[in-house]
C-alpha atoms as a PDB file:
ATOM      1  CA  UNK A   1     110.280  87.669  80.022  1.00  0.00           C
ATOM      2  CA  UNK A   2     110.210  91.043  81.452  1.00  0.00           C
ATOM      3  CA  UNK A   3     107.322  92.055  79.610  1.00  0.00           C
ATOM      4  CA  UNK A   4     103.666  93.133  80.898  1.00  0.00           C
ATOM      5  CA  UNK A   5     100.850  92.119  78.152  1.00  0.00           C
ATOM      6  CA  UNK A   6      97.721  93.435  77.968  1.00  0.00           C
ATOM      7  CA  UNK A   7      95.156  91.701  76.202  1.00  0.00           C
ATOM      8  CA  UNK A   8      91.751  93.140  74.701  1.00  0.00           C
ATOM      9  CA  UNK A   9      89.648  91.044  73.161  1.00  0.00           C
ATOM     10  CA  UNK A  10      85.768  91.197  71.464  1.00  0.00           C
ATOM     11  CA  UNK A  11      83.767  88.327  73.009  1.00  0.00           C
ATOM     12  CA  UNK A  12      83.984  84.908  71.854  1.00  0.00           C
ATOM     13  CA  UNK A  13      87.458  85.568  70.279  1.00  0.00           C
ATOM     14  CA  UNK A  14      88.954  83.186  72.698  1.00  0.00           C
ATOM     15  CA  UNK A  15      90.997  86.007  74.211  1.00  0.00           C
ATOM     16  CA  UNK A  16      90.947  84.825  77.141  1.00  0.00           C
ATOM     17  CA  UNK A  17      92.011  81.189  76.956  1.00  0.00           C
ATOM     18  CA  UNK A  18      95.076  82.651  74.435  1.00  0.00           C
ATOM     19  CA  UNK A  19      96.413  84.492  77.183  1.00  0.00           C
ATOM     20  CA  UNK A  20      95.822  82.061  79.868  1.00  0.00           C
ATOM     21  CA  UNK A  21      97.806  79.367  77.619  1.00  0.00           C
ATOM     22  CA  UNK A  22     100.504  82.404  76.733  1.00  0.00           C
ATOM     23  CA  UNK A  23     100.743  83.147  80.568  1.00  0.00           C
ATOM     24  CA  UNK A  24     101.375  79.490  80.820  1.00  0.00           C
ATOM     25  CA  UNK A  25     104.156  79.247  78.178  1.00  0.00           C
ATOM     26  CA  UNK A  26     106.037  82.354  79.424  1.00  0.00           C
ATOM     27  CA  UNK A  27     105.593  80.817  82.828  1.00  0.00           C
ATOM     28  CA  UNK A  28     103.982  84.143  84.195  1.00  0.00           C
ATOM     29  CA  UNK A  29     101.350  85.104  86.694  1.00  0.00           C
ATOM     30  CA  UNK A  30      97.868  85.701  84.391  1.00  0.00           C
ATOM     31  CA  UNK A  31      95.527  88.000  86.183  1.00  0.00           C
ATOM     32  CA  UNK A  32      91.807  88.496  84.800  1.00  0.00           C
ATOM     33  CA  UNK A  33      89.202  87.939  87.674  1.00  0.00           C
ATOM     34  CA  UNK A  34      92.094  87.673  89.807  1.00  0.00           C
ATOM     35  CA  UNK A  35      91.955  91.383  89.453  1.00  0.00           C
ATOM     36  CA  UNK A  36      88.602  91.684  90.825  1.00  0.00           C
ATOM     37  CA  UNK A  37      89.201  89.287  93.968  1.00  0.00           C
ATOM     38  CA  UNK A  38      92.208  91.294  94.643  1.00  0.00           C
ATOM     39  CA  UNK A  39      90.242  94.809  94.051  1.00  0.00           C
ATOM     40  CA  UNK A  40      87.648  93.822  96.382  1.00  0.00           C
ATOM     41  CA  UNK A  41      89.646  92.787  99.307  1.00  0.00           C
ATOM     42  CA  UNK A  42      92.146  96.376  99.051  1.00  0.00           C
ATOM     43  CA  UNK A  43      89.045  98.270  98.620  1.00  0.00           C
ATOM     44  CA  UNK A  44      86.482  96.831 100.608  1.00  0.00           C
ATOM     45  CA  UNK A  45      83.771  96.285  97.654  1.00  0.00           C
ATOM     46  CA  UNK A  46      82.347  93.385  97.007  1.00  0.00           C
ATOM     47  CA  UNK A  47      83.536  91.217  94.123  1.00  0.00           C
ATOM     48  CA  UNK A  48      79.951  91.465  92.487  1.00  0.00           C
ATOM     49  CA  UNK A  49      79.981  94.789  92.437  1.00  0.00           C
ATOM     50  CA  UNK A  50      83.451  94.759  90.088  1.00  0.00           C
ATOM     51  CA  UNK A  51      81.829  92.029  87.890  1.00  0.00           C
ATOM     52  CA  UNK A  52      79.047  94.383  87.233  1.00  0.00           C
ATOM     53  CA  UNK A  53      80.577  97.361  86.356  1.00  0.00           C
ATOM     54  CA  UNK A  54      81.172  96.064  82.696  1.00  0.00           C
ATOM     55  CA  UNK A  55      78.226  95.112  82.297  1.00  0.00           C
ATOM     56  CA  UNK A  56      75.917  97.836  83.077  1.00  0.00           C
ATOM     57  CA  UNK A  57      77.198  99.474  79.808  1.00  0.00           C
ATOM     58  CA  UNK A  58      75.349  98.264  77.454  1.00  0.00           C
ATOM     59  CA  UNK A  59      74.623 102.253  76.251  1.00  0.00           C
ATOM     60  CA  UNK A  60      76.980 104.246  76.143  1.00  0.00           C
ATOM     61  CA  UNK A  61      74.599 107.496  75.762  1.00  0.00           C
ATOM     62  CA  UNK A  62      72.672 106.345  78.963  1.00  0.00           C
ATOM     63  CA  UNK A  63      75.706 105.347  80.965  1.00  0.00           C
ATOM     64  CA  UNK A  64      77.885 108.461  80.058  1.00  0.00           C
ATOM     65  CA  UNK A  65      74.102 110.150  81.332  1.00  0.00           C
ATOM     66  CA  UNK A  66      74.103 107.466  84.806  1.00  0.00           C
ATOM     67  CA  UNK A  67      77.948 107.961  85.713  1.00  0.00           C
ATOM     68  CA  UNK A  68      77.691 112.095  85.055  1.00  0.00           C
ATOM     69  CA  UNK A  69      74.587 112.170  87.367  1.00  0.00           C
ATOM     70  CA  UNK A  70      75.744 109.452  89.825  1.00  0.00           C
ATOM     71  CA  UNK A  71      79.248 111.768  90.281  1.00  0.00           C
ATOM     72  CA  UNK A  72      76.846 114.423  91.256  1.00  0.00           C
ATOM     73  CA  UNK A  73      74.547 113.002  93.634  1.00  0.00           C
ATOM     74  CA  UNK A  74      77.112 113.508  96.531  1.00  0.00           C
ATOM     75  CA  UNK A  75      77.691 117.225  98.160  1.00  0.00           C
ATOM     76  CA  UNK A  76      81.104 115.734  99.409  1.00  0.00           C
ATOM     77  CA  UNK A  77      83.877 116.510  98.009  1.00  0.00           C
ATOM     78  CA  UNK A  78      87.106 114.014  96.913  1.00  0.00           C
ATOM     79  CA  UNK A  79      86.909 110.342  95.992  1.00  0.00           C
ATOM     80  CA  UNK A  80      83.495 110.468  97.661  1.00  0.00           C
ATOM     81  CA  UNK A  81      81.863 112.556  94.952  1.00  0.00           C
ATOM     82  CA  UNK A  82      82.502 110.386  92.438  1.00  0.00           C
ATOM     83  CA  UNK A  83      79.683 107.741  91.425  1.00  0.00           C
ATOM     84  CA  UNK A  84      80.574 104.383  92.029  1.00  0.00           C
ATOM     85  CA  UNK A  85      81.219 103.046  88.972  1.00  0.00           C
ATOM     86  CA  UNK A  86      84.282 105.719  88.664  1.00  0.00           C
ATOM     87  CA  UNK A  87      85.645 104.334  92.559  1.00  0.00           C
ATOM     88  CA  UNK A  88      85.396 101.100  91.395  1.00  0.00           C
ATOM     89  CA  UNK A  89      86.961 101.599  88.064  1.00  0.00           C
ATOM     90  CA  UNK A  90      90.006 103.664  90.018  1.00  0.00           C
ATOM     91  CA  UNK A  91      90.293 100.621  92.641  1.00  0.00           C
ATOM     92  CA  UNK A  92      90.693  98.255  89.435  1.00  0.00           C
ATOM     93  CA  UNK A  93      93.226 100.385  88.340  1.00  0.00           C
ATOM     94  CA  UNK A  94      95.405 100.544  91.279  1.00  0.00           C
ATOM     95  CA  UNK A  95      95.638  96.940  91.587  1.00  0.00           C
ATOM     96  CA  UNK A  96      96.212  96.957  87.518  1.00  0.00           C
ATOM     97  CA  UNK A  97      99.262  99.236  88.088  1.00  0.00           C
ATOM     98  CA  UNK A  98     100.274  97.250  91.211  1.00  0.00           C
ATOM     99  CA  UNK A  99     100.061  94.217  89.591  1.00  0.00           C
ATOM    100  CA  UNK A 100     102.188  95.534  86.362  1.00  0.00           C
ATOM    101  CA  UNK A 101     104.799  96.458  88.712  1.00  0.00           C
ATOM    102  CA  UNK A 102     105.358  93.370  90.425  1.00  0.00           C
ATOM    103  CA  UNK A 103     106.814  91.799  87.291  1.00  0.00           C
ATOM    104  CA  UNK A 104     105.920  90.465  83.746  1.00  0.00           C
ATOM    105  CA  UNK A 105     102.091  89.134  83.689  1.00  0.00           C
ATOM    106  CA  UNK A 106      99.597  89.023  81.401  1.00  0.00           C
ATOM    107  CA  UNK A 107      96.246  91.247  82.528  1.00  0.00           C
ATOM    108  CA  UNK A 108      93.130  90.433  80.027  1.00  0.00           C
ATOM    109  CA  UNK A 109      90.927  93.194  79.724  1.00  0.00           C
ATOM    110  CA  UNK A 110      89.138  96.081  81.960  1.00  0.00           C
ATOM    111  CA  UNK A 111      90.723  98.761  80.171  1.00  0.00           C
ATOM    112  CA  UNK A 112      94.172  97.860  81.234  1.00  0.00           C
ATOM    113  CA  UNK A 113      95.839  98.819  78.030  1.00  0.00           C
ATOM    114  CA  UNK A 114      94.694 102.451  78.719  1.00  0.00           C
ATOM    115  CA  UNK A 115      95.823 101.787  82.019  1.00  0.00           C
ATOM    116  CA  UNK A 116      99.356 101.181  81.607  1.00  0.00           C
ATOM    117  CA  UNK A 117      99.779 103.274  78.509  1.00  0.00           C
ATOM    118  CA  UNK A 118     102.600 105.481  79.580  1.00  0.00           C
ATOM    119  CA  UNK A 119     104.460 102.279  81.348  1.00  0.00           C
ATOM    120  CA  UNK A 120     107.008 101.126  79.603  1.00  0.00           C
ATOM    121  CA  UNK A 121     108.053  97.428  78.869  1.00  0.00           C
ATOM    122  CA  UNK A 122     103.823  97.053  78.494  1.00  0.00           C
ATOM    123  CA  UNK A 123     103.240  95.542  75.200  1.00  0.00           C
ATOM    124  CA  UNK A 124      98.781  95.514  74.240  1.00  0.00           C
ATOM    125  CA  UNK A 125      97.418  92.724  71.957  1.00  0.00           C
ATOM    126  CA  UNK A 126      94.020  93.066  70.468  1.00  0.00           C
ATOM    127  CA  UNK A 127      92.340  89.781  69.780  1.00  0.00           C
ATOM    128  CA  UNK A 128      89.359  90.056  67.235  1.00  0.00           C
ATOM    129  CA  UNK A 129      87.699  87.287  64.874  1.00  0.00           C
ATOM    130  CA  UNK A 130      85.019  86.831  62.651  1.00  0.00           C
ATOM    131  CA  UNK A 131      81.632  86.469  63.787  1.00  0.00           C
ATOM    132  CA  UNK A 132      80.802  82.850  62.726  1.00  0.00           C
ATOM    133  CA  UNK A 133      84.067  81.969  64.868  1.00  0.00           C
ATOM    134  CA  UNK A 134      82.273  83.819  67.419  1.00  0.00           C
ATOM    135  CA  UNK A 135      78.705  82.453  67.922  1.00  0.00           C
ATOM    136  CA  UNK A 136      80.273  78.670  67.939  1.00  0.00           C
ATOM    137  CA  UNK A 137      82.907  79.536  70.996  1.00  0.00           C
ATOM    138  CA  UNK A 138      79.740  81.299  72.527  1.00  0.00           C
ATOM    139  CA  UNK A 139      77.772  78.452  72.130  1.00  0.00           C
ATOM    140  CA  UNK A 140      80.098  75.583  72.846  1.00  0.00           C
ATOM    141  CA  UNK A 141      82.629  77.537  76.028  1.00  0.00           C
ATOM    142  CA  UNK A 142      79.553  80.098  77.368  1.00  0.00           C
ATOM    143  CA  UNK A 143      76.467  78.224  76.556  1.00  0.00           C
ATOM    144  CA  UNK A 144      74.691  80.815  74.933  1.00  0.00           C
ATOM    145  CA  UNK A 145      71.582  79.753  73.214  1.00  0.00           C
ATOM    146  CA  UNK A 146      72.007  79.601  69.392  1.00  0.00           C
ATOM    147  CA  UNK A 147      69.059  81.048  68.729  1.00  0.00           C
ATOM    148  CA  UNK A 148      70.373  84.170  70.543  1.00  0.00           C
ATOM    149  CA  UNK A 149      74.167  83.625  69.897  1.00  0.00           C
ATOM    150  CA  UNK A 150      74.819  86.685  67.370  1.00  0.00           C
ATOM    151  CA  UNK A 151      72.588  88.893  69.596  1.00  0.00           C
ATOM    152  CA  UNK A 152      74.513  88.371  72.389  1.00  0.00           C
ATOM    153  CA  UNK A 153      78.081  88.169  71.229  1.00  0.00           C
ATOM    154  CA  UNK A 154      77.098  91.903  69.879  1.00  0.00           C
ATOM    155  CA  UNK A 155      75.654  92.564  72.839  1.00  0.00           C
ATOM    156  CA  UNK A 156      79.172  91.485  74.941  1.00  0.00           C
ATOM    157  CA  UNK A 157      81.078  93.850  72.262  1.00  0.00           C
ATOM    158  CA  UNK A 158      78.535  96.903  72.833  1.00  0.00           C
ATOM    159  CA  UNK A 159      79.015  96.690  76.624  1.00  0.00           C
ATOM    160  CA  UNK A 160      83.315  96.565  76.178  1.00  0.00           C
ATOM    161  CA  UNK A 161      83.495  98.998  74.063  1.00  0.00           C
ATOM    162  CA  UNK A 162      81.050 101.490  76.147  1.00  0.00           C
ATOM    163  CA  UNK A 163      82.923 100.923  79.096  1.00  0.00           C
ATOM    164  CA  UNK A 164      86.779 101.756  77.600  1.00  0.00           C
ATOM    165  CA  UNK A 165      84.914 104.079  75.448  1.00  0.00           C
ATOM    166  CA  UNK A 166      83.657 105.901  78.637  1.00  0.00           C
ATOM    167  CA  UNK A 167      86.756 105.794  81.039  1.00  0.00           C
ATOM    168  CA  UNK A 168      89.764 106.469  78.437  1.00  0.00           C
ATOM    169  CA  UNK A 169      88.265 108.741  76.143  1.00  0.00           C
ATOM    170  CA  UNK A 170      89.443 106.585  73.727  1.00  0.00           C
ATOM    171  CA  UNK A 171      88.237 104.039  71.061  1.00  0.00           C
ATOM    172  CA  UNK A 172      87.718 100.720  71.936  1.00  0.00           C
ATOM    173  CA  UNK A 173      89.341  98.163  69.162  1.00  0.00           C
ATOM    174  CA  UNK A 174      91.221 100.798  67.160  1.00  0.00           C
ATOM    175  CA  UNK A 175      94.288  99.566  66.234  1.00  0.00           C
ATOM    176  CA  UNK A 176      96.936 102.705  66.643  1.00  0.00           C
ATOM    177  CA  UNK A 177      96.084 101.809  70.745  1.00  0.00           C
ATOM    178  CA  UNK A 178      97.490  98.227  70.498  1.00  0.00           C
ATOM    179  CA  UNK A 179     101.083  96.973  69.722  1.00  0.00           C
ATOM    180  CA  UNK A 180      99.378  94.003  67.767  1.00  0.00           C
ATOM    181  CA  UNK A 181      96.037  92.787  66.396  1.00  0.00           C
ATOM    182  CA  UNK A 182      95.306  89.059  65.717  1.00  0.00           C
ATOM    183  CA  UNK A 183      92.465  87.168  63.894  1.00  0.00           C
ATOM    184  CA  UNK A 184      92.001  84.392  66.165  1.00  0.00           C
ATOM    185  CA  UNK A 185      89.920  82.953  63.413  1.00  0.00           C
ATOM    186  CA  UNK A 186      92.732  82.796  61.048  1.00  0.00           C
ATOM    187  CA  UNK A 187      95.138  81.526  63.257  1.00  0.00           C
ATOM    188  CA  UNK A 188      93.399  79.670  65.534  1.00  0.00           C
ATOM    189  CA  UNK A 189      93.603  79.662  69.501  1.00  0.00           C
ATOM    190  CA  UNK A 190      97.024  77.367  69.345  1.00  0.00           C
ATOM    191  CA  UNK A 191      98.805  79.520  66.906  1.00  0.00           C
ATOM    192  CA  UNK A 192      97.786  83.003  67.895  1.00  0.00           C
ATOM    193  CA  UNK A 193      99.203  81.901  71.120  1.00  0.00           C
ATOM    194  CA  UNK A 194     102.520  80.636  69.462  1.00  0.00           C
ATOM    195  CA  UNK A 195     102.398  84.142  67.145  1.00  0.00           C
ATOM    196  CA  UNK A 196     102.123  86.405  70.468  1.00  0.00           C
ATOM    197  CA  UNK A 197     104.632  84.456  72.029  1.00  0.00           C
ATOM    198  CA  UNK A 198     107.461  84.595  68.965  1.00  0.00           C
ATOM    199  CA  UNK A 199     106.426  88.775  69.252  1.00  0.00           C
ATOM    200  CA  UNK A 200     106.790  89.401  72.445  1.00  0.00           C
ATOM    201  CA  UNK A 201     110.177  86.971  72.562  1.00  0.00           C
ATOM    202  CA  UNK A 202     111.269  88.832  69.704  1.00  0.00           C
ATOM    203  CA  UNK A 203     111.356  92.128  71.354  1.00  0.00           C
ATOM    204  CA  UNK A 204     114.107  91.081  73.981  1.00  0.00           C
ATOM    205  CA  UNK A 205     116.626  90.844  71.348  1.00  0.00           C
END
């Protein structure tokens, strides 16, 4: 398998589990939180800073304003003139390009599809699911309170969309940005893995 695979996903859709199982089936590296660890090590920022970057993007307008204001808060020129979040994004982008250049792998989220959009041999996947499926996974997998589960699912999607939209200038979840879009609530986790496996294997012929 000579492809790099990026997986973007709605919260609660099982995208991370699908990616992990697919990587095991293909025998290739899987990068999720590992990207944060590596980016932190190479950039000098703490892992917590990377982990919190996407979580801050709760409101697209306020997020963009905050990023824009902090971009001009320094009188220095060049890289130091960027906001902390922009510097974190650039550091993470560098790591994503590096792991992709090292060989076949699966990369979860973090605008990887946009960052690698001009790279050959990359397959971009989007995992989505019906709300009841996502709510149940949020409760069972993440231990979310049932009474607030739907609210938390929606809020997490909004964060991911705002983070992606701000940094890429594109719209998160639009089908034209991906090669394959899968409804995991229709297929189930394991069949979704099999579907993507068959798809990427078919591209080798």
